[in-house]
Structures are given as C-alpha cells and as structure tokens.
C-alpha cells in the first residue's frame, strides 16, 4: 500500500556554505528589490493563462479566468547556483480586496508528490476567506507534475506494478516482490537519473524561498498540509527570519525515522478504521455491513482480504480487485470522513463479489485516472522520500519487524511493514534519518493536530511544536476524523486559522476544537506578525 513518506531532509554541515553561495537569504538583512518587486537576482514570473493539468499532474480541468500560471527557473543543484536550471510551475489567484492585500499565501498540499497546479483551483473554495486578502499561490515541487517530473514505468507497467503482491507470504512471493520492486527502481534511474539526487525536501525548501523572492514578498506566508508541514518545518529551519504567518495542518512527526513513521501510520489507519466501523454500528439497521460490533466489522474486512489474496474478484473491465487494491481503497476512504459512505458501499459490494468501487478508490490513491493514465505522484513520492531518508532496510530486517506491524494493525500492518523496503537499493543515497526543524527566531507557526488522523497521527503535532522550539510552535488540537482539520469545515478551526493568517492573532497554546461541538477558541492577543 503506497504511503505518504514521513522523512525529510534537514540541515547538514554544508548548509551554511550552500546558503552563502546561493541567491537565497536567511532574512538577516534587507533584500534589495528591482522595479518589478522581485528580489535582485530573481526574475519575476511572467503570469499568463493556465493550461489543463498535464498527465503527470493528474486529472483536472483548465482553471477559470481567475487563475494565472507561470514558470520560475531554479538551480537543479544548489551547490552550483549558477549552473543548470529546472522549471518550477506556479499558479495563483489574486486577492479580491487589493486595498487590504497582505501578500501571497503559498500552499503545499502534501504527498510528497502532490501537484499544487492541479489541486489548488479545486480546493480554493475552502480558502475563500483567506483569498480576500491573500493571493492564493501553489506550485509543483521539483520532481512533481510539470516541474522536472520524476518518471519511472509507463501506464501498462504501473498497472502490473500495482497489481503485484506487496505483502508476500511465501519465498516465491518474496522473490517476485523483490524483482518487481527492483524493475521499478531501475526504470526510475533510467528515465530520471539526472534529477533523482536533487528532489529532496531541503532543495524544495530552498525553492520555496526563491518563490517568495520572485513574488516580491519580504516574508513567506505559508499553509502546509501533511508532507507540506514537513517542508514548512525544513524551510523554517533554513530561513527562520523569512517566516511570516504559517500554518501546519495534518502534521508529520519530525522525530520519527521511516520505520517509526510507518508503524505510526499502521496504528493511525487502524484507529481510523475502528472509528469508521463504530460509526457504522452506531447507525444500526442503516449500516450495510455485517457485524453487531466494530470488531466484528473489522474481522469481516480481514476475512475479505484473505479471500482476495487467494481469489481476486471482478473490478473494472478486465482488471481485478486484489488484496492490495482493496487495502489501498480502504486507506483512501479513511483520509476523509466524507468518504466513509463510499467505503461502506465499496466493502458491501466487494463482499458480494463486485470490486469496482474499491478499485476506483485504490486508483485514486495511486494517481490513476479512469482512462488508465497515471500521474507521477507515486514516482515522485518514492524519489523524494528516498532522497530524504537514509534508511535502507534489508529483507531480514523487514521480516523481523512484521510481527510488530501486524500487532499494530491487522488490516494495514503487513502492507506498511513491507513498504519499509521502498528505498532499498535506491540509486541515490538518502540525506538523513529525521529532519532538523528547529527554528529559533521564527515567527509563530500554528500547528494543528487531528486526533482521528490516520496518515499523520495526532502525536506528531506536539513533536513538531517541541522541535520548532520555544516561542515558535503553537499547538491547536482538533477532535475530529480524517486527514487534516481546516478542510473539515469546522468553524472553530477555521476561525483560529483565519484570525491568525488575516489578523496576526495567535490562538492560545493548547486550544481545543471539537468537531461535534465546535466552540470558538479564545485567541491570545498579539501584535500582527
């Protein structure tokens, strides 16, 4: 089951040297700007009409007339800032109230590997209040979408790759698993070898500062979600004095290595599945699934997995719903409580021998559109994760950890345990085990943890606050379900975020918002930052 990577790059001994030789600034002095508003040495993007998302970016339509797109050239290798460049694709919608405009609010929606170009126009309605005074801006990070995308296998090969067994249980299945994984990695090196060493999170953070300068903003106003919190943390570490108002939602734990992160996800997805099952039970006769308790529903899901491992069922066309695809589809639906009815329907249909809905949800998580075309989110996810993480697990190490993963989650444990080998034999060495996100001198960063989040467990928010350092991280807890809090529509969360981003008022540390009984937080009055 593909997972959101939980490792990022952090500062190394060479960071100071790279910073000194690049056009980036740590904000220690006033940046000189040209007549176009961009920092000197940075070309102001030429904004124009947007085209439809590319196949690498995924499904989507041509954005409306409110949207503008541009390209910003950045160094391929920040150790050689005057050398070869790669394009970063940008998108924006201008603030509605020009007289009260604050600046640009830059979004990263996660992944790693998610395209901001294809995501922001569809998500913008959720940020309508923020658009009154901010230009909403996003981008395809390096290696993603149309920004020097990492490409590996073609669509037919990816169909076979995702249909293969990723939780082997016999020596022969292990052999096939390793061979399938090796072919994929070799394809990545063959097609994208030049960019693979340069797609890590530290480089993406340096790109963020280039974007800030090109937009003409003295500070980076930032909204990071999921992996975007990791990227934001690394940015804050590298450029603490350049941080303006920033929000981290669905927070990645910066203290966990890849094994610990995957184990945390196993527990998180299992928790979310239990909450889904209990909700179904609470609805009584309207629940389509068999079982009078949450445990009985979960047992039936495990039974379905075992049956699919032996005999897949019809999915779509000539494609079958395998055990892997079913598990992937279940995981997809747990990202949002709004998808729980689809999960209930999909499981009910699969128990009756029809796997089309669960397969469609699995495809959505893998970046496959109905025509069979894949975005590059999977390739980029692997490439960025493996450029960041030093962890390279052997077959023996992985198998030794499987009992712990199975204990954490009978449904997801095997898949997440075997995913520890995603970077084994990757052609590029990883940078580190965990990121350095310490950011002394940074403006306050609002850090939101969701108690029911399956992909970035709630505990990560507290760890991020601790690692950002005293006076920087401000924790807000959302007692809800799904991946993230702001987009749940909860008025308590949205009021706290909007009050900070629009007025500079930081909510009191320890503010709690409850999904079922939302109460307005009590902000701590502060001077706008």
Protein backbone atom coordinates (compact mmCIF):
# COMPACT_ATOMS: atom_id res chain seq x y z
CA UNK A 1 0.00 0.00 0.00
CA UNK A 2 1.62 3.29 -1.01
CA UNK A 3 2.09 5.63 1.90
CA UNK A 4 2.83 9.26 2.47
CA UNK A 5 6.55 9.45 3.07
CA UNK A 6 7.42 10.64 6.53
CA UNK A 7 11.07 11.50 6.16
CA UNK A 8 12.57 14.78 5.14
CA UNK A 9 15.88 16.48 4.64
CA UNK A 10 17.41 18.59 7.40
CA UNK A 11 20.44 20.86 7.61
CA UNK A 12 23.90 19.37 7.12
CA UNK A 13 27.34 20.74 7.73
CA UNK A 14 27.36 22.08 4.18
CA UNK A 15 24.10 24.02 4.55
CA UNK A 16 25.81 27.24 5.52
CA UNK A 17 28.13 27.04 2.54
CA UNK A 18 25.27 26.33 0.16
CA UNK A 19 23.31 29.21 1.61
CA UNK A 20 26.19 31.59 1.17
CA UNK A 21 26.69 30.66 -2.48
CA UNK A 22 23.01 30.68 -3.43
CA UNK A 23 20.69 33.61 -4.07
CA UNK A 24 18.64 32.59 -1.04
CA UNK A 25 18.71 34.66 2.12
CA UNK A 26 18.10 33.78 5.73
CA UNK A 27 16.44 37.13 6.17
CA UNK A 28 19.36 38.53 8.12
CA UNK A 29 19.38 41.70 6.04
CA UNK A 30 17.03 43.76 3.91
CA UNK A 31 16.71 42.26 0.44
CA UNK A 32 17.32 44.59 -2.47
CA UNK A 33 14.49 44.59 -4.96
CA UNK A 34 14.08 45.61 -8.54
CA UNK A 35 11.30 47.74 -10.01
CA UNK A 36 9.17 44.62 -10.53
CA UNK A 37 9.20 43.88 -6.79
CA UNK A 38 11.24 40.68 -7.05
CA UNK A 39 14.46 40.33 -5.09
CA UNK A 40 17.55 41.20 -7.10
CA UNK A 41 18.89 38.19 -8.99
CA UNK A 42 15.44 36.58 -9.12
CA UNK A 43 13.33 37.02 -12.24
CA UNK A 44 9.73 37.99 -11.68
CA UNK A 45 7.46 35.26 -13.12
CA UNK A 46 5.55 36.11 -16.30
CA UNK A 47 1.98 35.25 -15.42
CA UNK A 48 -0.41 34.14 -18.14
CA UNK A 49 -3.35 31.86 -18.87
CA UNK A 50 -3.28 28.37 -17.40
CA UNK A 51 -3.47 25.18 -19.40
CA UNK A 52 -5.13 21.96 -18.33
CA UNK A 53 -3.09 19.81 -15.93
CA UNK A 54 -0.56 17.57 -17.64
CA UNK A 55 -0.86 13.77 -17.34
CA UNK A 56 1.95 13.90 -14.74
CA UNK A 57 -0.14 16.30 -12.65
CA UNK A 58 -3.25 14.15 -12.78
CA UNK A 59 -6.87 14.75 -13.61
CA UNK A 60 -8.22 18.26 -13.77
CA UNK A 61 -9.74 20.89 -16.00
CA UNK A 62 -8.41 24.17 -17.33
CA UNK A 63 -8.63 26.61 -14.39
CA UNK A 64 -11.07 29.50 -14.79
CA UNK A 65 -10.26 33.08 -15.73
CA UNK A 66 -9.33 33.95 -12.14
CA UNK A 67 -6.24 31.77 -12.37
CA UNK A 68 -2.80 32.63 -13.73
CA UNK A 69 0.18 30.36 -14.30
CA UNK A 70 3.91 30.98 -14.64
CA UNK A 71 7.27 29.25 -14.58
CA UNK A 72 10.20 30.08 -12.29
CA UNK A 73 13.65 28.71 -13.10
CA UNK A 74 15.62 27.44 -10.11
CA UNK A 75 19.01 25.71 -9.82
CA UNK A 76 18.98 21.97 -10.35
CA UNK A 77 21.81 21.77 -7.82
CA UNK A 78 22.01 24.49 -5.17
CA UNK A 79 25.71 23.68 -4.74
CA UNK A 80 26.06 25.18 -8.24
CA UNK A 81 23.55 28.05 -8.16
CA UNK A 82 24.73 29.46 -11.50
CA UNK A 83 24.60 26.07 -13.22
CA UNK A 84 21.79 24.14 -14.90
CA UNK A 85 18.24 25.14 -14.00
CA UNK A 86 14.89 23.37 -13.87
CA UNK A 87 11.42 24.93 -14.17
CA UNK A 88 9.01 25.26 -11.26
CA UNK A 89 5.38 25.56 -12.35
CA UNK A 90 3.38 28.15 -10.36
CA UNK A 91 -0.31 29.00 -10.14
CA UNK A 92 -2.15 31.83 -8.41
CA UNK A 93 -5.48 33.60 -7.95
CA UNK A 94 -5.16 37.23 -6.90
CA UNK A 95 -6.61 38.62 -3.69
CA UNK A 96 -10.09 40.05 -4.06
CA UNK A 97 -9.52 43.07 -1.81
CA UNK A 98 -6.49 44.79 -3.36
CA UNK A 99 -6.57 47.63 -0.84
CA UNK A 100 -6.16 45.26 2.12
CA UNK A 101 -3.93 42.70 0.40
CA UNK A 102 -1.39 41.15 2.78
CA UNK A 103 0.71 39.27 0.24
CA UNK A 104 0.91 35.76 -1.21
CA UNK A 105 -0.21 32.67 0.73
CA UNK A 106 1.75 29.70 -0.63
CA UNK A 107 0.23 26.21 -0.30
CA UNK A 108 1.76 22.77 -0.33
CA UNK A 109 -0.94 20.11 -0.12
CA UNK A 110 1.27 17.14 0.69
CA UNK A 111 2.48 13.90 -0.76
CA UNK A 112 5.31 14.23 -1.23
CA UNK A 113 4.49 14.25 -4.92
CA UNK A 114 1.19 16.14 -4.94
CA UNK A 115 0.69 18.73 -7.69
CA UNK A 116 -0.27 22.18 -6.47
CA UNK A 117 -1.20 23.19 -10.02
CA UNK A 118 -3.97 20.60 -10.24
CA UNK A 119 -5.01 20.79 -6.55
CA UNK A 120 -5.34 24.47 -5.68
CA UNK A 121 -8.07 25.52 -8.16
CA UNK A 122 -10.37 22.74 -6.95
CA UNK A 123 -9.58 23.36 -3.29
CA UNK A 124 -9.71 27.17 -3.43
CA UNK A 125 -13.35 27.36 -2.35
CA UNK A 126 -12.26 26.10 1.06
CA UNK A 127 -9.95 29.10 1.39
CA UNK A 128 -12.37 31.80 0.24
CA UNK A 129 -11.99 33.85 3.40
CA UNK A 130 -8.22 33.87 3.01
CA UNK A 131 -8.39 34.91 -0.63
CA UNK A 132 -9.98 38.21 0.34
CA UNK A 133 -6.56 39.50 1.42
CA UNK A 134 -4.08 36.99 0.00
CA UNK A 135 -3.09 35.90 -3.46
CA UNK A 136 -3.56 32.12 -3.26
CA UNK A 137 -0.42 30.52 -4.70
CA UNK A 138 0.76 26.95 -5.18
CA UNK A 139 3.31 25.08 -7.26
CA UNK A 140 4.51 21.74 -8.49
CA UNK A 141 7.56 20.99 -6.33
CA UNK A 142 10.69 19.79 -8.09
CA UNK A 143 10.20 16.25 -9.39
CA UNK A 144 6.41 16.71 -9.49
CA UNK A 145 3.95 17.34 -12.31
CA UNK A 146 5.44 19.78 -14.79
CA UNK A 147 8.43 20.74 -12.59
CA UNK A 148 11.09 18.35 -13.96
CA UNK A 149 8.91 15.33 -13.11
CA UNK A 150 10.37 12.05 -11.96
CA UNK A 151 9.18 9.37 -14.38
CA UNK A 152 9.59 5.62 -13.96
CA UNK A 153 7.37 2.98 -15.55
CA UNK A 154 4.72 3.56 -18.20
CA UNK A 155 0.98 3.14 -17.62
CA UNK A 156 0.79 -0.56 -18.53
CA UNK A 157 3.82 -1.33 -16.41
CA UNK A 158 2.31 0.59 -13.50
CA UNK A 159 -0.91 -1.40 -13.81
CA UNK A 160 1.17 -4.54 -13.37
CA UNK A 161 3.25 -2.95 -10.60
CA UNK A 162 0.21 -2.04 -8.50
CA UNK A 163 -1.47 -5.39 -9.20
CA UNK A 164 1.55 -7.30 -7.86
CA UNK A 165 1.55 -8.71 -4.34
CA UNK A 166 3.20 -6.20 -1.99
CA UNK A 167 2.80 -8.31 1.16
CA UNK A 168 4.43 -11.64 0.24
CA UNK A 169 3.89 -14.66 2.44
CA UNK A 170 5.99 -17.35 0.69
CA UNK A 171 9.62 -17.48 -0.56
CA UNK A 172 8.37 -17.43 -4.16
CA UNK A 173 6.18 -14.39 -3.48
CA UNK A 174 9.12 -12.68 -1.78
CA UNK A 175 11.25 -13.29 -4.86
CA UNK A 176 8.59 -11.78 -7.12
CA UNK A 177 8.12 -8.83 -4.76
CA UNK A 178 11.83 -8.01 -4.81
CA UNK A 179 12.05 -8.40 -8.61
CA UNK A 180 9.04 -6.13 -9.18
CA UNK A 181 10.46 -3.50 -6.85
CA UNK A 182 13.89 -3.66 -8.50
CA UNK A 183 12.45 -3.21 -12.02
CA UNK A 184 10.59 -0.14 -10.84
CA UNK A 185 13.70 1.44 -9.30
CA UNK A 186 15.79 0.69 -12.39
CA UNK A 187 13.15 2.37 -14.55
CA UNK A 188 13.29 5.46 -12.33
CA UNK A 189 17.06 5.64 -12.68
CA UNK A 190 16.94 5.13 -16.45
CA UNK A 191 14.32 7.81 -17.09
CA UNK A 192 15.06 10.31 -14.32
CA UNK A 193 18.60 9.69 -13.12
CA UNK A 194 19.65 13.33 -13.57
CA UNK A 195 17.06 14.76 -11.20
CA UNK A 196 16.90 11.98 -8.59
CA UNK A 197 19.79 13.36 -6.47
CA UNK A 198 18.17 16.80 -6.32
CA UNK A 199 14.49 16.27 -5.43
CA UNK A 200 14.88 16.14 -1.65
CA UNK A 201 12.99 18.35 0.77
CA UNK A 202 15.87 20.69 1.58
CA UNK A 203 16.11 21.65 -2.09
CA UNK A 204 12.33 22.12 -2.18
CA UNK A 205 12.62 24.43 0.84
CA UNK A 206 15.24 26.49 -0.99
CA UNK A 207 12.84 26.61 -3.93
CA UNK A 208 10.18 27.99 -1.58
CA UNK A 209 12.45 30.89 -0.72
CA UNK A 210 13.06 31.54 -4.41
CA UNK A 211 9.29 31.60 -4.90
CA UNK A 212 8.92 34.06 -2.02
CA UNK A 213 11.51 36.36 -3.51
CA UNK A 214 10.07 36.12 -7.02
CA UNK A 215 6.60 37.01 -5.69
CA UNK A 216 8.04 40.13 -4.12
CA UNK A 217 7.20 39.16 -0.53
CA UNK A 218 9.54 40.02 2.32
CA UNK A 219 8.15 37.11 4.35
CA UNK A 220 6.80 33.70 3.38
CA UNK A 221 3.13 33.30 4.27
CA UNK A 222 2.56 29.58 4.11
CA UNK A 223 -0.11 26.90 4.52
CA UNK A 224 1.36 23.39 4.64
CA UNK A 225 -0.74 20.23 4.81
CA UNK A 226 0.58 16.71 5.55
CA UNK A 227 4.03 16.47 3.91
CA UNK A 228 3.67 20.22 3.45
CA UNK A 229 4.21 20.57 7.21
CA UNK A 230 7.50 18.74 6.87
CA UNK A 231 8.54 21.01 4.02
CA UNK A 232 7.48 24.02 6.05
CA UNK A 233 9.47 22.85 9.06
CA UNK A 234 12.62 22.46 7.00
CA UNK A 235 12.03 25.90 5.47
CA UNK A 236 11.63 27.43 8.93
CA UNK A 237 14.89 25.81 10.00
CA UNK A 238 16.81 27.11 7.00
CA UNK A 239 15.18 30.55 6.82
CA UNK A 240 13.69 31.34 10.25
CA UNK A 241 13.77 35.10 9.77
CA UNK A 242 11.88 34.81 6.48
CA UNK A 243 8.87 33.09 8.04
CA UNK A 244 5.75 35.24 8.11
CA UNK A 245 2.44 33.75 9.23
CA UNK A 246 2.47 29.99 8.75
CA UNK A 247 0.02 27.16 9.40
CA UNK A 248 0.89 23.44 9.59
CA UNK A 249 -2.16 21.14 9.31
CA UNK A 250 -2.07 17.30 9.46
CA UNK A 251 1.40 17.35 10.92
CA UNK A 252 4.20 14.91 10.14
CA UNK A 253 6.17 13.86 13.21
CA UNK A 254 9.73 15.16 12.65
CA UNK A 255 11.20 12.85 15.30
CA UNK A 256 10.41 9.52 13.63
CA UNK A 257 12.54 7.64 11.11
CA UNK A 258 10.87 5.79 8.25
CA UNK A 259 10.25 2.61 10.26
CA UNK A 260 8.74 4.52 13.18
CA UNK A 261 6.69 6.66 10.82
CA UNK A 262 5.29 3.63 9.01
CA UNK A 263 4.45 1.97 12.33
CA UNK A 264 2.70 5.14 13.44
CA UNK A 265 0.67 5.12 10.24
CA UNK A 266 -0.29 1.49 10.81
CA UNK A 267 -1.71 2.48 14.20
CA UNK A 268 -3.31 5.60 12.75
CA UNK A 269 -5.11 3.83 9.92
CA UNK A 270 -6.24 1.08 12.28
CA UNK A 271 -7.64 3.71 14.67
CA UNK A 272 -9.48 5.42 11.82
CA UNK A 273 -10.87 2.08 10.59
CA UNK A 274 -12.14 1.31 14.09
CA UNK A 275 -13.82 4.72 14.24
CA UNK A 276 -15.44 4.08 10.85
CA UNK A 277 -16.68 0.66 11.97
CA UNK A 278 -18.04 2.01 15.25
CA UNK A 279 -19.88 4.77 13.39
CA UNK A 280 -21.47 2.12 11.17
CA UNK A 281 -22.56 0.10 14.22
CA UNK A 282 -23.99 3.22 15.86
CA UNK A 283 -26.28 3.75 12.87
CA UNK A 284 -27.97 0.41 13.48
CA UNK A 285 -30.01 -1.02 10.62
CA UNK A 286 -28.87 1.67 8.18
CA UNK A 287 -25.34 0.20 8.23
CA UNK A 288 -24.85 -2.04 5.20
CA UNK A 289 -22.02 -4.06 6.74
CA UNK A 290 -22.44 -7.29 8.66
CA UNK A 291 -21.45 -7.26 12.31
CA UNK A 292 -23.02 -6.07 15.53
CA UNK A 293 -19.76 -4.59 16.87
CA UNK A 294 -16.84 -2.68 15.39
CA UNK A 295 -14.59 -5.70 15.99
CA UNK A 296 -16.92 -7.94 14.01
CA UNK A 297 -16.90 -5.49 11.08
CA UNK A 298 -13.11 -5.37 11.21
CA UNK A 299 -12.97 -9.18 11.32
CA UNK A 300 -15.08 -9.33 8.16
CA UNK A 301 -12.72 -6.89 6.44
CA UNK A 302 -9.76 -9.13 7.36
CA UNK A 303 -11.72 -12.12 6.05
CA UNK A 304 -12.29 -10.25 2.76
CA UNK A 305 -8.58 -9.50 2.48
CA UNK A 306 -7.70 -13.17 2.92
CA UNK A 307 -10.25 -14.23 0.33
CA UNK A 308 -8.96 -11.69 -2.19
CA UNK A 309 -5.40 -12.90 -1.61
CA UNK A 310 -6.50 -16.33 -2.85
CA UNK A 311 -9.04 -15.27 -5.46
CA UNK A 312 -9.39 -11.65 -6.66
CA UNK A 313 -12.86 -10.54 -7.79
CA UNK A 314 -14.01 -8.55 -10.84
CA UNK A 315 -13.07 -4.89 -10.69
CA UNK A 316 -13.25 -2.71 -13.80
CA UNK A 317 -13.03 -4.07 -17.34
CA UNK A 318 -10.54 -6.91 -17.27
CA UNK A 319 -8.89 -5.61 -14.09
CA UNK A 320 -9.39 -7.45 -10.82
CA UNK A 321 -9.73 -6.27 -7.25
CA UNK A 322 -6.76 -7.82 -5.48
CA UNK A 323 -5.97 -7.85 -1.78
CA UNK A 324 -3.53 -4.96 -2.32
CA UNK A 325 -6.04 -2.88 -4.25
CA UNK A 326 -8.77 -3.44 -1.67
CA UNK A 327 -6.49 -2.41 1.18
CA UNK A 328 -5.39 0.63 -0.81
CA UNK A 329 -9.00 1.59 -1.46
CA UNK A 330 -9.89 1.27 2.22
CA UNK A 331 -6.96 3.51 3.13
CA UNK A 332 -8.03 6.11 0.57
CA UNK A 333 -11.51 6.36 2.08
CA UNK A 334 -10.14 6.83 5.59
CA UNK A 335 -8.49 10.12 4.62
CA UNK A 336 -11.84 11.89 4.89
CA UNK A 337 -14.97 11.17 6.91
CA UNK A 338 -16.96 12.34 3.88
CA UNK A 339 -15.73 9.19 2.09
CA UNK A 340 -16.98 6.79 4.77
CA UNK A 341 -20.29 6.16 2.94
CA UNK A 342 -18.30 5.19 -0.18
CA UNK A 343 -16.15 2.86 1.90
CA UNK A 344 -19.23 1.24 3.39
CA UNK A 345 -20.71 0.75 -0.08
CA UNK A 346 -17.43 -0.49 -1.52
CA UNK A 347 -16.95 -3.08 1.21
CA UNK A 348 -20.55 -4.23 0.91
CA UNK A 349 -20.18 -4.65 -2.85
CA UNK A 350 -16.85 -6.46 -2.50
CA UNK A 351 -18.33 -8.92 -0.01
CA UNK A 352 -20.93 -9.59 -2.71
CA UNK A 353 -18.27 -10.23 -5.34
CA UNK A 354 -18.08 -6.81 -7.04
CA UNK A 355 -14.87 -4.81 -6.64
CA UNK A 356 -15.35 -1.81 -8.93
CA UNK A 357 -15.76 0.85 -6.25
CA UNK A 358 -12.86 -0.23 -4.05
CA UNK A 359 -10.67 -0.49 -7.16
CA UNK A 360 -11.66 3.04 -8.19
CA UNK A 361 -10.65 4.35 -4.76
CA UNK A 362 -7.36 2.47 -4.96
CA UNK A 363 -6.73 4.04 -8.36
CA UNK A 364 -7.39 7.48 -6.92
CA UNK A 365 -4.74 6.96 -4.26
CA UNK A 366 -2.26 5.71 -6.87
CA UNK A 367 -2.90 8.63 -9.22
CA UNK A 368 -4.62 6.60 -11.97
CA UNK A 369 -7.41 8.27 -13.91
CA UNK A 370 -10.40 6.40 -15.43
CA UNK A 371 -8.62 6.25 -18.80
CA UNK A 372 -5.70 4.37 -17.28
CA UNK A 373 -3.23 7.26 -17.22
CA UNK A 374 -1.11 7.70 -14.11
CA UNK A 375 0.10 10.96 -12.65
CA UNK A 376 3.66 10.92 -11.38
CA UNK A 377 2.65 11.18 -7.72
CA UNK A 378 3.84 7.64 -6.97
CA UNK A 379 7.20 8.09 -8.69
CA UNK A 380 7.76 11.49 -7.09
CA UNK A 381 6.71 10.18 -3.68
CA UNK A 382 9.33 7.45 -3.80
CA UNK A 383 12.05 9.67 -5.25
CA UNK A 384 11.59 12.47 -2.70
CA UNK A 385 11.25 10.05 0.21
CA UNK A 386 14.39 8.16 -0.74
CA UNK A 387 16.38 11.33 -1.39
CA UNK A 388 15.47 12.41 2.14
CA UNK A 389 15.77 9.21 4.16
CA UNK A 390 18.99 7.34 4.91
CA UNK A 391 17.04 4.26 5.95
CA UNK A 392 17.68 1.21 3.77
CA UNK A 393 16.19 -1.98 5.22
CA UNK A 394 17.23 -5.49 4.30
CA UNK A 395 14.80 -8.33 3.71
CA UNK A 396 15.78 -9.88 7.03
CA UNK A 397 15.29 -6.61 8.94
CA UNK A 398 11.90 -6.07 7.34
CA UNK A 399 10.62 -9.58 8.07
CA UNK A 400 11.80 -9.29 11.68
CA UNK A 401 9.62 -6.19 12.13
CA UNK A 402 6.45 -7.62 10.56
CA UNK A 403 5.01 -9.05 13.81
CA UNK A 404 5.12 -5.60 15.37
CA UNK A 405 3.36 -4.08 12.36
CA UNK A 406 0.70 -6.81 12.38
CA UNK A 407 0.08 -6.23 16.06
CA UNK A 408 -0.35 -2.51 15.37
CA UNK A 409 -2.81 -3.16 12.55
CA UNK A 410 -4.23 -6.49 11.41
CA UNK A 411 -5.57 -4.76 8.28
CA UNK A 412 -2.70 -2.46 7.25
CA UNK A 413 0.32 -3.80 9.15
CA UNK A 414 1.67 -6.20 6.54
CA UNK A 415 1.49 -3.65 3.75
CA UNK A 416 3.11 -0.85 5.70
CA UNK A 417 5.73 -3.20 7.09
CA UNK A 418 6.81 -4.39 3.66
CA UNK A 419 6.82 -0.76 2.46
CA UNK A 420 9.91 -0.26 4.65
CA UNK A 421 11.86 -1.64 1.68
CA UNK A 422 10.70 1.12 -0.68
CA UNK A 423 14.14 2.75 -0.64
CA UNK A 424 16.25 -0.41 -0.51
CA UNK A 425 18.71 -0.38 -3.45
CA UNK A 426 17.53 3.08 -4.49
CA UNK A 427 20.18 4.62 -6.79
CA UNK A 428 20.59 7.77 -4.65
CA UNK A 429 21.75 7.87 -1.04
CA UNK A 430 19.42 9.47 1.49
CA UNK A 431 20.29 12.65 3.37
CA UNK A 432 19.33 11.78 6.96
CA UNK A 433 17.01 9.86 9.24
CA UNK A 434 14.89 12.72 10.59
CA UNK A 435 14.68 16.41 9.72
CA UNK A 436 16.00 19.32 11.68
CA UNK A 437 13.06 21.69 12.05
CA UNK A 438 14.41 23.82 14.89
CA UNK A 439 13.65 27.42 14.01
CA UNK A 440 14.84 29.89 16.66
CA UNK A 441 13.92 33.42 15.65
CA UNK A 442 10.97 32.35 13.50
CA UNK A 443 7.57 34.00 13.76
CA UNK A 444 4.90 31.85 15.47
CA UNK A 445 3.73 28.82 13.48
CA UNK A 446 0.24 27.46 14.13
CA UNK A 447 0.47 23.65 14.35
CA UNK A 448 -2.83 21.72 14.11
CA UNK A 449 -3.18 18.07 15.15
CA UNK A 450 -6.29 15.97 14.45
CA UNK A 451 -6.98 13.21 16.98
CA UNK A 452 -8.52 10.94 14.32
CA UNK A 453 -5.97 11.49 11.57
CA UNK A 454 -4.93 8.15 10.01
CA UNK A 455 -1.95 9.27 7.92
CA UNK A 456 -0.26 11.78 10.24
CA UNK A 457 -1.15 10.66 13.76
CA UNK A 458 -2.10 13.33 16.28
CA UNK A 459 1.04 12.92 18.39
CA UNK A 460 3.15 14.38 15.57
CA UNK A 461 1.76 17.86 16.17
CA UNK A 462 3.14 18.01 19.70
CA UNK A 463 6.51 16.71 18.49
CA UNK A 464 6.62 19.38 15.77
CA UNK A 465 5.87 22.10 18.33
CA UNK A 466 8.65 20.83 20.57
CA UNK A 467 11.19 20.64 17.75
CA UNK A 468 10.35 24.06 16.30
CA UNK A 469 11.43 25.43 19.65
CA UNK A 470 10.20 27.79 22.37
CA UNK A 471 8.03 30.64 21.18
CA UNK A 472 7.65 29.24 17.66
CA UNK A 473 5.19 26.33 17.53
CA UNK A 474 1.66 26.98 18.81
CA UNK A 475 -0.45 23.81 19.12
CA UNK A 476 -4.15 23.57 18.32
CA UNK A 477 -6.00 20.26 18.75
CA UNK A 478 -8.93 19.23 16.58
CA UNK A 479 -11.01 16.35 17.94
CA UNK A 480 -12.28 15.02 14.63
CA UNK A 481 -11.84 12.47 11.87
CA UNK A 482 -9.92 12.43 8.62
CA UNK A 483 -6.63 13.75 7.34
CA UNK A 484 -6.34 17.40 8.31
CA UNK A 485 -8.57 19.85 10.15
CA UNK A 486 -9.12 23.12 8.27
CA UNK A 487 -10.77 21.46 5.28
CA UNK A 488 -13.18 19.62 7.56
CA UNK A 489 -15.14 22.86 7.62
CA UNK A 490 -15.04 23.01 11.41
CA UNK A 491 -15.79 26.65 12.30
CA UNK A 492 -13.62 26.60 15.42
CA UNK A 493 -10.52 25.52 13.47
CA UNK A 494 -11.24 27.88 10.60
CA UNK A 495 -11.78 30.84 12.91
CA UNK A 496 -8.46 30.21 14.65
CA UNK A 497 -6.55 29.86 11.38
CA UNK A 498 -8.23 32.79 9.66
CA UNK A 499 -7.74 35.03 12.68
CA UNK A 500 -4.01 34.29 12.62
CA UNK A 501 -3.42 34.48 8.89
CA UNK A 502 -5.61 37.54 8.34
CA UNK A 503 -5.11 39.50 11.56
CA UNK A 504 -1.94 38.07 13.09
CA UNK A 505 -3.75 36.92 16.24
CA UNK A 506 -2.18 33.72 17.55
CA UNK A 507 -4.64 31.41 19.35
CA UNK A 508 -3.77 30.40 22.86
CA UNK A 509 -1.49 27.38 23.01
CA UNK A 510 -3.50 24.27 23.83
CA UNK A 511 -6.70 25.47 22.14
CA UNK A 512 -9.05 22.52 21.51
CA UNK A 513 -11.74 22.37 18.82
CA UNK A 514 -14.26 19.52 18.86
CA UNK A 515 -15.94 18.51 15.62
CA UNK A 516 -19.33 17.72 17.13
CA UNK A 517 -19.44 20.70 19.48
CA UNK A 518 -17.31 23.38 17.92
CA UNK A 519 -16.58 26.27 20.21
CA UNK A 520 -14.84 29.48 19.33
CA UNK A 521 -11.25 29.49 20.53
CA UNK A 522 -10.05 32.24 22.78
CA UNK A 523 -7.20 33.91 20.91
CA UNK A 524 -4.27 35.34 22.76
CA UNK A 525 -3.98 38.96 21.56
CA UNK A 526 -0.64 39.59 19.90
CA UNK A 527 0.83 42.12 17.60
CA UNK A 528 0.41 41.06 13.95
CA UNK A 529 3.48 39.23 12.61
